[in-house]
């Protein structure tokens, strides 16, 4: 029978210190099980996250959530070297991907899709004035707008299809049988 993460950490005894990285940049990380590895080594995975600024308890909970749900997104406060983090996570049986806010050139995206401003706005349920302001750099998309534009850039057909709803089905005319 497989032991729980709590039992595995309990067998280690008290952890006196986690050697944390001294400096680095924040990183939003999408973490999942590696397809190449049969098992996740929970303790090394937890320590890899704690080393980069999470408390040990928070790192443990992140790994537990990944094991339960298959994928978790977490913000690491200090990542000194992405390659070193990737190596530690791979050795622990995990796969990590960085999540970035995309920098989107709205005009280039629209032109790549072969759409006018009006068509782009209609197809993706945007206000045409908003599209014009983004293209002319008078305004910049907020975080949600950037995320949506990133989806449109990567999956334009699926983004459009996700907004579509079937027309209401035609109802047969009421029978006028003279009963009122």
Foldseek 3Di string as FASTA:
>chain_A
DDDDPVVVVVVVPDDDDQQADPAAAKFKKKKFFAPVDPAFQLVLQLSLQVNQPDPSVVSSVQSVVRVVPGIDIDMRGGDHDPVVSQVSRVVRRMHMDTDDQDDDQLVVLCVVVVHDLVRVCVQQVHDSVVSVCCNVVVDHDDSVRSVLVVCCSVPVVVSSVVPDDDDDDDDPDDDPPVDD
